Amino acid sequence: MHETAQGLYHSLENQRWSFLDRGRTSSELTLPYVLPPDGHNYATKYYTPYQGIGARGVLKYLEKEVDRLRFKIDW
């Protein structure tokens, strides 16, 4: 058992990294600011490739996820 939340976070970091890496690679082709690269800050400028279909799909998915999270929180 992990003593703290920080200990649990660090123990699961390796499992999470592969998913983040895959997501960041996909994000570069659609909307790079949705899942920015590691080490970004507020001044980072992102290249937007203007891939219309991919960007619309990602935005629609994000709208649904935000609505789902909002519903879970407002119970």
C-alpha atoms as a PDB file:
ATOM      1  CA  MET A   1       0.000   0.000   0.000  1.00  0.00           C
ATOM      2  CA  HIS A   2       1.234   3.498  -0.795  1.00  0.00           C
ATOM      3  CA  GLU A   3       1.616   5.862   2.084  1.00  0.00           C
ATOM      4  CA  THR A   4       0.726   9.017   0.216  1.00  0.00           C
ATOM      5  CA  ALA A   5      -1.006  10.133  -2.941  1.00  0.00           C
ATOM      6  CA  GLN A   6       2.372  11.323  -4.188  1.00  0.00           C
ATOM      7  CA  GLY A   7       3.812   7.813  -3.751  1.00  0.00           C
ATOM      8  CA  LEU A   8       0.928   6.305  -5.707  1.00  0.00           C
ATOM      9  CA  TYR A   9       1.312   8.936  -8.444  1.00  0.00           C
ATOM     10  CA  HIS A  10       5.015   8.189  -8.872  1.00  0.00           C
ATOM     11  CA  SER A  11       4.514   4.422  -8.854  1.00  0.00           C
ATOM     12  CA  LEU A  12       1.958   4.640 -11.679  1.00  0.00           C
ATOM     13  CA  GLU A  13       3.905   7.190 -13.720  1.00  0.00           C
ATOM     14  CA  ASN A  14       5.596   4.591 -15.957  1.00  0.00           C
ATOM     15  CA  GLN A  15       2.263   3.011 -16.893  1.00  0.00           C
ATOM     16  CA  ARG A  16       0.770   6.393 -17.727  1.00  0.00           C
ATOM     17  CA  TRP A  17       3.719   7.591 -19.832  1.00  0.00           C
ATOM     18  CA  SER A  18       3.022   5.353 -22.852  1.00  0.00           C
ATOM     19  CA  PHE A  19      -0.546   6.656 -23.112  1.00  0.00           C
ATOM     20  CA  LEU A  20       0.582  10.273 -22.787  1.00  0.00           C
ATOM     21  CA  ASP A  21       3.250   9.780 -25.439  1.00  0.00           C
ATOM     22  CA  ARG A  22       0.733   8.283 -27.872  1.00  0.00           C
ATOM     23  CA  GLY A  23      -1.746  11.069 -27.143  1.00  0.00           C
ATOM     24  CA  ARG A  24       0.841  13.798 -27.633  1.00  0.00           C
ATOM     25  CA  THR A  25       1.895  12.300 -30.958  1.00  0.00           C
ATOM     26  CA  SER A  26      -1.726  12.280 -32.149  1.00  0.00           C
ATOM     27  CA  SER A  27      -2.321  15.746 -30.761  1.00  0.00           C
ATOM     28  CA  GLU A  28       0.511  17.163 -32.877  1.00  0.00           C
ATOM     29  CA  LEU A  29      -1.534  16.296 -35.981  1.00  0.00           C
ATOM     30  CA  THR A  30      -4.848  17.761 -34.833  1.00  0.00           C
ATOM     31  CA  LEU A  31      -4.938  20.199 -31.895  1.00  0.00           C
ATOM     32  CA  PRO A  32      -1.513  20.384 -30.226  1.00  0.00           C
ATOM     33  CA  TYR A  33      -2.714  22.553 -27.331  1.00  0.00           C
ATOM     34  CA  VAL A  34      -5.150  19.866 -26.104  1.00  0.00           C
ATOM     35  CA  LEU A  35      -2.331  17.563 -24.927  1.00  0.00           C
ATOM     36  CA  PRO A  36       0.803  19.718 -25.056  1.00  0.00           C
ATOM     37  CA  PRO A  37       4.352  18.373 -24.924  1.00  0.00           C
ATOM     38  CA  ASP A  38       6.125  17.946 -21.615  1.00  0.00           C
ATOM     39  CA  GLY A  39       7.702  21.187 -20.403  1.00  0.00           C
ATOM     40  CA  HIS A  40       5.315  23.626 -22.096  1.00  0.00           C
ATOM     41  CA  ASN A  41       4.274  26.920 -20.522  1.00  0.00           C
ATOM     42  CA  TYR A  42       1.856  29.757 -21.232  1.00  0.00           C
ATOM     43  CA  ALA A  43       4.174  31.302 -23.833  1.00  0.00           C
ATOM     44  CA  THR A  44       4.549  28.148 -25.945  1.00  0.00           C
ATOM     45  CA  LYS A  45       3.477  28.668 -29.545  1.00  0.00           C
ATOM     46  CA  TYR A  46       2.045  25.619 -31.235  1.00  0.00           C
ATOM     47  CA  TYR A  47       2.019  24.794 -34.914  1.00  0.00           C
ATOM     48  CA  THR A  48      -1.549  24.129 -35.988  1.00  0.00           C
ATOM     49  CA  PRO A  49      -1.649  21.891 -39.069  1.00  0.00           C
ATOM     50  CA  TYR A  50      -5.338  22.693 -39.751  1.00  0.00           C
ATOM     51  CA  GLN A  51      -6.391  19.100 -40.244  1.00  0.00           C
ATOM     52  CA  GLY A  52     -10.121  19.787 -40.389  1.00  0.00           C
ATOM     53  CA  ILE A  53     -11.584  16.318 -39.882  1.00  0.00           C
ATOM     54  CA  GLY A  54      -9.238  15.335 -37.073  1.00  0.00           C
ATOM     55  CA  ALA A  55      -9.630  18.638 -35.249  1.00  0.00           C
ATOM     56  CA  ARG A  56     -13.425  18.493 -35.435  1.00  0.00           C
ATOM     57  CA  GLY A  57     -13.431  14.932 -34.140  1.00  0.00           C
ATOM     58  CA  VAL A  58     -11.174  15.810 -31.224  1.00  0.00           C
ATOM     59  CA  LEU A  59     -13.262  18.856 -30.293  1.00  0.00           C
ATOM     60  CA  LYS A  60     -16.482  16.836 -30.405  1.00  0.00           C
ATOM     61  CA  TYR A  61     -14.929  14.155 -28.204  1.00  0.00           C
ATOM     62  CA  LEU A  62     -13.682  16.785 -25.733  1.00  0.00           C
ATOM     63  CA  GLU A  63     -17.135  18.389 -25.552  1.00  0.00           C
ATOM     64  CA  LYS A  64     -18.659  15.038 -24.622  1.00  0.00           C
ATOM     65  CA  GLU A  65     -15.985  14.314 -22.017  1.00  0.00           C
ATOM     66  CA  VAL A  66     -16.365  17.724 -20.395  1.00  0.00           C
ATOM     67  CA  ASP A  67     -20.140  17.274 -20.244  1.00  0.00           C
ATOM     68  CA  ARG A  68     -19.688  13.822 -18.727  1.00  0.00           C
ATOM     69  CA  LEU A  69     -17.283  15.138 -16.090  1.00  0.00           C
ATOM     70  CA  ARG A  70     -19.571  18.057 -15.294  1.00  0.00           C
ATOM     71  CA  PHE A  71     -22.465  15.655 -14.780  1.00  0.00           C
ATOM     72  CA  LYS A  72     -20.419  13.497 -12.392  1.00  0.00           C
ATOM     73  CA  ILE A  73     -19.303  16.501 -10.358  1.00  0.00           C
ATOM     74  CA  ASP A  74     -22.741  18.154 -10.060  1.00  0.00           C
ATOM     75  CA  TRP A  75     -24.445  15.175  -8.408  1.00  0.00           C
END
